[in-house]
Amino acid sequence: RAEWINPFIASLGNAFQTMLSCPVQRGAVALKNGHTPKY
């Protein structure tokens, strides 16, 4: 369910901002295709 991802999105933004002083800008949520992470 899409609403389950919101705590992870918020947590990532908070971790990057508070721990790393690095702002993040979120893109669009999409279904994951395949098994290979992008990076």
All heavy atoms as atom14 arrays in JSON, in Angstrom:
{
  "sequence": "RAEWINPFIASLGNAFQTMLSCPVQRGAVALKNGHTPKY",
  "atom14_mask": [
    [1, 1, 1, 1, 1, 1, 1, 1, 1, 1, 1, 0, 0, 0],
    [1, 1, 1, 1, 1, 0, 0, 0, 0, 0, 0, 0, 0, 0],
    [1, 1, 1, 1, 1, 1, 1, 1, 1, 0, 0, 0, 0, 0],
    [1, 1, 1, 1, 1, 1, 1, 1, 1, 1, 1, 1, 1, 1],
    [1, 1, 1, 1, 1, 1, 1, 1, 0, 0, 0, 0, 0, 0],
    [1, 1, 1, 1, 1, 1, 1, 1, 0, 0, 0, 0, 0, 0],
    [1, 1, 1, 1, 1, 1, 1, 0, 0, 0, 0, 0, 0, 0],
    [1, 1, 1, 1, 1, 1, 1, 1, 1, 1, 1, 0, 0, 0],
    [1, 1, 1, 1, 1, 1, 1, 1, 0, 0, 0, 0, 0, 0],
    [1, 1, 1, 1, 1, 0, 0, 0, 0, 0, 0, 0, 0, 0],
    [1, 1, 1, 1, 1, 1, 0, 0, 0, 0, 0, 0, 0, 0],
    [1, 1, 1, 1, 1, 1, 1, 1, 0, 0, 0, 0, 0, 0],
    [1, 1, 1, 1, 0, 0, 0, 0, 0, 0, 0, 0, 0, 0],
    [1, 1, 1, 1, 1, 1, 1, 1, 0, 0, 0, 0, 0, 0],
    [1, 1, 1, 1, 1, 0, 0, 0, 0, 0, 0, 0, 0, 0],
    [1, 1, 1, 1, 1, 1, 1, 1, 1, 1, 1, 0, 0, 0],
    [1, 1, 1, 1, 1, 1, 1, 1, 1, 0, 0, 0, 0, 0],
    [1, 1, 1, 1, 1, 1, 1, 0, 0, 0, 0, 0, 0, 0],
    [1, 1, 1, 1, 1, 1, 1, 1, 0, 0, 0, 0, 0, 0],
    [1, 1, 1, 1, 1, 1, 1, 1, 0, 0, 0, 0, 0, 0],
    [1, 1, 1, 1, 1, 1, 0, 0, 0, 0, 0, 0, 0, 0],
    [1, 1, 1, 1, 1, 1, 0, 0, 0, 0, 0, 0, 0, 0],
    [1, 1, 1, 1, 1, 1, 1, 0, 0, 0, 0, 0, 0, 0],
    [1, 1, 1, 1, 1, 1, 1, 0, 0, 0, 0, 0, 0, 0],
    [1, 1, 1, 1, 1, 1, 1, 1, 1, 0, 0, 0, 0, 0],
    [1, 1, 1, 1, 1, 1, 1, 1, 1, 1, 1, 0, 0, 0],
    [1, 1, 1, 1, 0, 0, 0, 0, 0, 0, 0, 0, 0, 0],
    [1, 1, 1, 1, 1, 0, 0, 0, 0, 0, 0, 0, 0, 0],
    [1, 1, 1, 1, 1, 1, 1, 0, 0, 0, 0, 0, 0, 0],
    [1, 1, 1, 1, 1, 0, 0, 0, 0, 0, 0, 0, 0, 0],
    [1, 1, 1, 1, 1, 1, 1, 1, 0, 0, 0, 0, 0, 0],
    [1, 1, 1, 1, 1, 1, 1, 1, 1, 0, 0, 0, 0, 0],
    [1, 1, 1, 1, 1, 1, 1, 1, 0, 0, 0, 0, 0, 0],
    [1, 1, 1, 1, 0, 0, 0, 0, 0, 0, 0, 0, 0, 0],
    [1, 1, 1, 1, 1, 1, 1, 1, 1, 1, 0, 0, 0, 0],
    [1, 1, 1, 1, 1, 1, 1, 0, 0, 0, 0, 0, 0, 0],
    [1, 1, 1, 1, 1, 1, 1, 0, 0, 0, 0, 0, 0, 0],
    [1, 1, 1, 1, 1, 1, 1, 1, 1, 0, 0, 0, 0, 0],
    [1, 1, 1, 1, 1, 1, 1, 1, 1, 1, 1, 1, 0, 0]
  ],
  "atom14_positions": [
    [[0.84, -1.19, 0.0], [0.0, 0.0, 0.0], [0.88, 1.25, 0.0], [1.87, 1.32, 0.73], [-0.92, -0.01, 1.21], [-1.9, -1.16, 1.13], [-2.98, -1.22, 2.17], [-2.9, -0.31, 3.27], [-3.33, -0.6, 4.49], [-3.84, -1.78, 4.74], [-3.26, 0.28, 5.45], [0.0, 0.0, 0.0], [0.0, 0.0, 0.0], [0.0, 0.0, 0.0]],
    [[0.51, 2.21, -0.8], [1.32, 3.42, -0.97], [1.56, 4.14, 0.35], [2.65, 4.67, 0.58], [0.66, 4.35, -1.98], [0.0, 0.0, 0.0], [0.0, 0.0, 0.0], [0.0, 0.0, 0.0], [0.0, 0.0, 0.0], [0.0, 0.0, 0.0], [0.0, 0.0, 0.0], [0.0, 0.0, 0.0], [0.0, 0.0, 0.0], [0.0, 0.0, 0.0]],
    [[0.56, 4.14, 1.25], [0.75, 4.88, 2.5], [1.81, 4.25, 3.4], [2.34, 4.91, 4.3], [-0.58, 5.04, 3.27], [-1.2, 3.75, 3.73], [-2.22, 3.18, 2.76], [-2.23, 3.56, 1.56], [-3.01, 2.34, 3.2], [0.0, 0.0, 0.0], [0.0, 0.0, 0.0], [0.0, 0.0, 0.0], [0.0, 0.0, 0.0], [0.0, 0.0, 0.0]],
    [[2.16, 2.99, 3.17], [3.22, 2.37, 3.96], [4.59, 2.93, 3.63], [5.51, 2.83, 4.43], [3.24, 0.87, 3.77], [2.05, 0.16, 4.36], [1.16, 0.65, 5.28], [1.64, -1.16, 4.08], [0.22, -0.29, 5.59], [0.49, -1.43, 4.85], [2.13, -2.15, 3.25], [-0.17, -2.63, 4.83], [1.45, -3.36, 3.22], [0.33, -3.6, 4.01]],
    [[4.76, 3.48, 2.46], [6.07, 3.99, 2.09], [6.34, 5.37, 2.69], [7.49, 5.77, 2.85], [6.27, 3.98, 0.56], [7.77, 4.03, 0.25], [5.52, 5.12, -0.11], [8.15, 3.62, -1.13], [0.0, 0.0, 0.0], [0.0, 0.0, 0.0], [0.0, 0.0, 0.0], [0.0, 0.0, 0.0], [0.0, 0.0, 0.0], [0.0, 0.0, 0.0]],
    [[5.29, 6.09, 3.06], [5.47, 7.45, 3.59], [6.39, 7.52, 4.8], [7.23, 8.43, 4.86], [4.12, 8.09, 3.87], [3.37, 8.4, 2.6], [3.96, 8.6, 1.54], [2.05, 8.41, 2.68], [0.0, 0.0, 0.0], [0.0, 0.0, 0.0], [0.0, 0.0, 0.0], [0.0, 0.0, 0.0], [0.0, 0.0, 0.0], [0.0, 0.0, 0.0]],
    [[6.31, 6.61, 5.78], [7.26, 6.69, 6.9], [8.72, 6.52, 6.45], [9.62, 7.13, 7.02], [6.83, 5.54, 7.82], [5.39, 5.34, 7.52], [5.26, 5.62, 6.04], [0.0, 0.0, 0.0], [0.0, 0.0, 0.0], [0.0, 0.0, 0.0], [0.0, 0.0, 0.0], [0.0, 0.0, 0.0], [0.0, 0.0, 0.0], [0.0, 0.0, 0.0]],
    [[8.95, 5.72, 5.42], [10.3, 5.52, 4.92], [10.8, 6.76, 4.19], [11.96, 7.16, 4.32], [10.36, 4.28, 4.02], [10.08, 3.02, 4.76], [8.8, 2.49, 4.8], [11.09, 2.37, 5.45], [8.53, 1.33, 5.5], [10.82, 1.2, 6.17], [9.54, 0.68, 6.19], [0.0, 0.0, 0.0], [0.0, 0.0, 0.0], [0.0, 0.0, 0.0]],
    [[9.92, 7.4, 3.42], [10.28, 8.64, 2.72], [10.62, 9.73, 3.74], [11.65, 10.4, 3.62], [9.12, 9.09, 1.8], [8.96, 8.11, 0.63], [9.35, 10.51, 1.3], [7.71, 8.32, -0.2], [0.0, 0.0, 0.0], [0.0, 0.0, 0.0], [0.0, 0.0, 0.0], [0.0, 0.0, 0.0], [0.0, 0.0, 0.0], [0.0, 0.0, 0.0]],
    [[9.78, 9.88, 4.74], [10.02, 10.89, 5.77], [11.3, 10.6, 6.53], [12.11, 11.5, 6.82], [8.83, 10.97, 6.72], [0.0, 0.0, 0.0], [0.0, 0.0, 0.0], [0.0, 0.0, 0.0], [0.0, 0.0, 0.0], [0.0, 0.0, 0.0], [0.0, 0.0, 0.0], [0.0, 0.0, 0.0], [0.0, 0.0, 0.0], [0.0, 0.0, 0.0]],
    [[11.52, 9.33, 6.85], [12.72, 8.93, 7.58], [13.98, 9.2, 6.79], [14.98, 9.68, 7.33], [12.61, 7.45, 7.94], [13.74, 7.02, 8.62], [0.0, 0.0, 0.0], [0.0, 0.0, 0.0], [0.0, 0.0, 0.0], [0.0, 0.0, 0.0], [0.0, 0.0, 0.0], [0.0, 0.0, 0.0], [0.0, 0.0, 0.0], [0.0, 0.0, 0.0]],
    [[13.95, 8.92, 5.49], [15.12, 9.18, 4.65], [15.42, 10.67, 4.61], [16.57, 11.09, 4.8], [14.9, 8.64, 3.24], [16.13, 8.79, 2.34], [16.29, 7.56, 1.47], [16.04, 10.02, 1.48], [0.0, 0.0, 0.0], [0.0, 0.0, 0.0], [0.0, 0.0, 0.0], [0.0, 0.0, 0.0], [0.0, 0.0, 0.0], [0.0, 0.0, 0.0]],
    [[14.4, 11.48, 4.4], [14.61, 12.93, 4.36], [15.16, 13.45, 5.66], [16.09, 14.28, 5.68], [0.0, 0.0, 0.0], [0.0, 0.0, 0.0], [0.0, 0.0, 0.0], [0.0, 0.0, 0.0], [0.0, 0.0, 0.0], [0.0, 0.0, 0.0], [0.0, 0.0, 0.0], [0.0, 0.0, 0.0], [0.0, 0.0, 0.0], [0.0, 0.0, 0.0]],
    [[14.63, 12.95, 6.78], [15.1, 13.37, 8.09], [16.54, 12.94, 8.34], [17.35, 13.72, 8.84], [14.18, 12.82, 9.18], [14.53, 13.34, 10.54], [14.68, 14.54, 10.74], [14.65, 12.44, 11.49], [0.0, 0.0, 0.0], [0.0, 0.0, 0.0], [0.0, 0.0, 0.0], [0.0, 0.0, 0.0], [0.0, 0.0, 0.0], [0.0, 0.0, 0.0]],
    [[16.88, 11.71, 8.01], [18.24, 11.21, 8.22], [19.25, 12.01, 7.4], [20.31, 12.4, 7.92], [18.33, 9.72, 7.87], [0.0, 0.0, 0.0], [0.0, 0.0, 0.0], [0.0, 0.0, 0.0], [0.0, 0.0, 0.0], [0.0, 0.0, 0.0], [0.0, 0.0, 0.0], [0.0, 0.0, 0.0], [0.0, 0.0, 0.0], [0.0, 0.0, 0.0]],
    [[18.93, 12.28, 6.14], [19.86, 13.03, 5.31], [20.0, 14.47, 5.81], [21.1, 15.03, 5.8], [19.44, 12.99, 3.84], [20.07, 11.87, 3.08], [19.64, 10.56, 3.26], [21.12, 12.09, 2.21], [20.22, 9.51, 2.58], [21.72, 11.05, 1.52], [21.27, 9.75, 1.71], [0.0, 0.0, 0.0], [0.0, 0.0, 0.0], [0.0, 0.0, 0.0]],
    [[18.89, 15.07, 6.23], [18.96, 16.46, 6.69], [19.66, 16.57, 8.04], [20.55, 17.4, 8.21], [17.56, 17.06, 6.77], [17.56, 18.55, 7.04], [18.24, 19.36, 5.95], [17.91, 19.25, 4.78], [19.22, 20.16, 6.33], [0.0, 0.0, 0.0], [0.0, 0.0, 0.0], [0.0, 0.0, 0.0], [0.0, 0.0, 0.0], [0.0, 0.0, 0.0]],
    [[19.27, 15.76, 9.01], [19.82, 15.92, 10.37], [21.2, 15.29, 10.53], [22.05, 15.87, 11.2], [18.87, 15.33, 11.43], [18.69, 13.95, 11.2], [17.53, 16.04, 11.43], [0.0, 0.0, 0.0], [0.0, 0.0, 0.0], [0.0, 0.0, 0.0], [0.0, 0.0, 0.0], [0.0, 0.0, 0.0], [0.0, 0.0, 0.0], [0.0, 0.0, 0.0]],
    [[21.43, 14.14, 9.95], [22.72, 13.45, 10.14], [23.79, 13.9, 9.16], [24.98, 13.87, 9.48], [22.53, 11.94, 10.01], [21.6, 11.33, 11.04], [22.14, 11.55, 12.74], [23.67, 10.65, 12.73], [0.0, 0.0, 0.0], [0.0, 0.0, 0.0], [0.0, 0.0, 0.0], [0.0, 0.0, 0.0], [0.0, 0.0, 0.0], [0.0, 0.0, 0.0]],
    [[23.36, 14.31, 7.96], [24.33, 14.61, 6.91], [24.29, 16.07, 6.45], [25.11, 16.47, 5.62], [24.09, 13.69, 5.71], [24.11, 12.19, 5.99], [23.69, 11.41, 4.75], [25.48, 11.75, 6.48], [0.0, 0.0, 0.0], [0.0, 0.0, 0.0], [0.0, 0.0, 0.0], [0.0, 0.0, 0.0], [0.0, 0.0, 0.0], [0.0, 0.0, 0.0]],
    [[23.32, 16.84, 6.93], [23.11, 18.22, 6.47], [23.0, 18.27, 4.95], [23.54, 19.17, 4.3], [24.23, 19.14, 6.96], [24.24, 19.19, 8.37], [0.0, 0.0, 0.0], [0.0, 0.0, 0.0], [0.0, 0.0, 0.0], [0.0, 0.0, 0.0], [0.0, 0.0, 0.0], [0.0, 0.0, 0.0], [0.0, 0.0, 0.0], [0.0, 0.0, 0.0]],
    [[22.3, 17.3, 4.4], [22.15, 17.18, 2.95], [20.66, 17.13, 2.61], [19.98, 16.17, 2.97], [22.84, 15.91, 2.46], [22.69, 15.64, 0.68], [0.0, 0.0, 0.0], [0.0, 0.0, 0.0], [0.0, 0.0, 0.0], [0.0, 0.0, 0.0], [0.0, 0.0, 0.0], [0.0, 0.0, 0.0], [0.0, 0.0, 0.0], [0.0, 0.0, 0.0]],
    [[20.15, 18.15, 1.93], [18.75, 18.11, 1.54], [18.5, 17.08, 0.44], [19.39, 16.79, -0.37], [18.49, 19.53, 1.03], [19.82, 20.01, 0.56], [20.84, 19.35, 1.46], [0.0, 0.0, 0.0], [0.0, 0.0, 0.0], [0.0, 0.0, 0.0], [0.0, 0.0, 0.0], [0.0, 0.0, 0.0], [0.0, 0.0, 0.0], [0.0, 0.0, 0.0]],
    [[17.3, 16.52, 0.44], [16.91, 15.58, -0.61], [15.64, 16.09, -1.26], [14.82, 16.75, -0.64], [16.67, 14.15, -0.06], [17.93, 13.55, 0.5], [15.56, 14.1, 0.96], [0.0, 0.0, 0.0], [0.0, 0.0, 0.0], [0.0, 0.0, 0.0], [0.0, 0.0, 0.0], [0.0, 0.0, 0.0], [0.0, 0.0, 0.0], [0.0, 0.0, 0.0]],
    [[15.52, 15.81, -2.54], [14.3, 16.14, -3.27], [13.74, 14.86, -3.85], [14.39, 14.16, -4.63], [14.58, 17.14, -4.38], [13.31, 17.55, -5.09], [13.49, 18.85, -5.86], [14.55, 19.45, -5.87], [12.43, 19.27, -6.5], [0.0, 0.0, 0.0], [0.0, 0.0, 0.0], [0.0, 0.0, 0.0], [0.0, 0.0, 0.0], [0.0, 0.0, 0.0]],
    [[12.5, 14.55, -3.45], [11.87, 13.29, -3.83], [11.3, 13.37, -5.24], [10.72, 14.36, -5.64], [10.75, 12.97, -2.84], [9.99, 11.71, -3.15], [8.94, 11.42, -2.1], [7.84, 12.35, -2.09], [6.73, 12.22, -2.82], [6.59, 11.2, -3.63], [5.76, 13.08, -2.73], [0.0, 0.0, 0.0], [0.0, 0.0, 0.0], [0.0, 0.0, 0.0]],
    [[11.44, 12.27, -5.96], [10.79, 12.11, -7.25], [9.49, 11.35, -7.08], [9.0, 11.15, -5.97], [0.0, 0.0, 0.0], [0.0, 0.0, 0.0], [0.0, 0.0, 0.0], [0.0, 0.0, 0.0], [0.0, 0.0, 0.0], [0.0, 0.0, 0.0], [0.0, 0.0, 0.0], [0.0, 0.0, 0.0], [0.0, 0.0, 0.0], [0.0, 0.0, 0.0]],
    [[8.93, 10.9, -8.18], [7.64, 10.21, -8.17], [7.77, 8.76, -7.71], [8.7, 8.05, -8.12], [7.03, 10.24, -9.57], [0.0, 0.0, 0.0], [0.0, 0.0, 0.0], [0.0, 0.0, 0.0], [0.0, 0.0, 0.0], [0.0, 0.0, 0.0], [0.0, 0.0, 0.0], [0.0, 0.0, 0.0], [0.0, 0.0, 0.0], [0.0, 0.0, 0.0]],
    [[6.83, 8.31, -6.89], [6.76, 6.92, -6.45], [6.31, 6.07, -7.63], [5.39, 6.43, -8.35], [5.77, 6.77, -5.28], [5.63, 5.31, -4.87], [6.19, 7.62, -4.09], [0.0, 0.0, 0.0], [0.0, 0.0, 0.0], [0.0, 0.0, 0.0], [0.0, 0.0, 0.0], [0.0, 0.0, 0.0], [0.0, 0.0, 0.0], [0.0, 0.0, 0.0]],
    [[6.98, 4.93, -7.82], [6.63, 4.03, -8.92], [6.79, 2.59, -8.46], [7.47, 2.32, -7.47], [7.55, 4.28, -10.12], [0.0, 0.0, 0.0], [0.0, 0.0, 0.0], [0.0, 0.0, 0.0], [0.0, 0.0, 0.0], [0.0, 0.0, 0.0], [0.0, 0.0, 0.0], [0.0, 0.0, 0.0], [0.0, 0.0, 0.0], [0.0, 0.0, 0.0]],
    [[6.16, 1.67, -9.17], [6.38, 0.25, -8.9], [7.8, -0.11, -9.32], [8.29, 0.35, -10.36], [5.38, -0.61, -9.68], [3.92, -0.51, -9.25], [3.04, -1.34, -10.18], [3.75, -0.96, -7.81], [0.0, 0.0, 0.0], [0.0, 0.0, 0.0], [0.0, 0.0, 0.0], [0.0, 0.0, 0.0], [0.0, 0.0, 0.0], [0.0, 0.0, 0.0]],
    [[8.44, -0.93, -8.54], [9.8, -1.38, -8.83], [9.74, -2.46, -9.91], [8.96, -3.4, -9.81], [10.43, -1.93, -7.55], [11.69, -2.73, -7.73], [12.85, -1.86, -8.04], [14.12, -2.73, -8.1], [15.11, -2.21, -8.94], [0.0, 0.0, 0.0], [0.0, 0.0, 0.0], [0.0, 0.0, 0.0], [0.0, 0.0, 0.0], [0.0, 0.0, 0.0]],
    [[10.57, -2.31, -10.91], [10.67, -3.31, -11.97], [12.01, -4.01, -11.88], [13.05, -3.37, -11.75], [10.55, -2.65, -13.35], [9.16, -2.11, -13.59], [8.18, -2.76, -13.26], [9.07, -0.92, -14.16], [0.0, 0.0, 0.0], [0.0, 0.0, 0.0], [0.0, 0.0, 0.0], [0.0, 0.0, 0.0], [0.0, 0.0, 0.0], [0.0, 0.0, 0.0]],
    [[12.0, -5.32, -11.94], [13.24, -6.09, -11.94], [13.83, -6.26, -10.55], [13.26, -5.85, -9.54], [0.0, 0.0, 0.0], [0.0, 0.0, 0.0], [0.0, 0.0, 0.0], [0.0, 0.0, 0.0], [0.0, 0.0, 0.0], [0.0, 0.0, 0.0], [0.0, 0.0, 0.0], [0.0, 0.0, 0.0], [0.0, 0.0, 0.0], [0.0, 0.0, 0.0]],
    [[15.02, -6.85, -10.52], [15.7, -7.16, -9.26], [16.98, -6.37, -9.08], [17.67, -6.55, -8.08], [16.02, -8.65, -9.2], [14.81, -9.53, -9.32], [13.86, -9.62, -8.34], [14.4, -10.33, -10.33], [12.92, -10.44, -8.72], [13.21, -10.89, -9.94], [0.0, 0.0, 0.0], [0.0, 0.0, 0.0], [0.0, 0.0, 0.0], [0.0, 0.0, 0.0]],
    [[17.35, -5.55, -10.04], [18.61, -4.84, -9.99], [18.4, -3.41, -9.5], [17.69, -2.64, -10.15], [19.28, -4.81, -11.38], [19.41, -6.15, -11.85], [20.65, -4.16, -11.33], [0.0, 0.0, 0.0], [0.0, 0.0, 0.0], [0.0, 0.0, 0.0], [0.0, 0.0, 0.0], [0.0, 0.0, 0.0], [0.0, 0.0, 0.0], [0.0, 0.0, 0.0]],
    [[18.98, -3.06, -8.35], [18.9, -1.67, -7.92], [19.58, -0.75, -8.93], [20.45, -1.17, -9.69], [19.65, -1.66, -6.58], [19.56, -3.07, -6.11], [19.63, -3.9, -7.37], [0.0, 0.0, 0.0], [0.0, 0.0, 0.0], [0.0, 0.0, 0.0], [0.0, 0.0, 0.0], [0.0, 0.0, 0.0], [0.0, 0.0, 0.0], [0.0, 0.0, 0.0]],
    [[19.19, 0.5, -8.93], [19.67, 1.44, -9.94], [21.15, 1.78, -9.77], [21.85, 2.02, -10.75], [18.83, 2.7, -9.88], [19.15, 3.67, -10.98], [18.05, 4.65, -11.22], [18.42, 5.5, -12.42], [17.31, 6.07, -13.07], [0.0, 0.0, 0.0], [0.0, 0.0, 0.0], [0.0, 0.0, 0.0], [0.0, 0.0, 0.0], [0.0, 0.0, 0.0]],
    [[21.64, 1.81, -8.53], [23.0, 2.28, -8.28], [23.88, 1.17, -7.72], [23.4, 0.11, -7.34], [22.97, 3.51, -7.39], [22.17, 4.62, -8.04], [20.92, 4.98, -7.53], [22.61, 5.24, -9.19], [20.16, 5.96, -8.16], [21.85, 6.21, -9.82], [20.63, 6.57, -9.3], [19.88, 7.53, -9.92], [0.0, 0.0, 0.0], [0.0, 0.0, 0.0]]
  ]
}
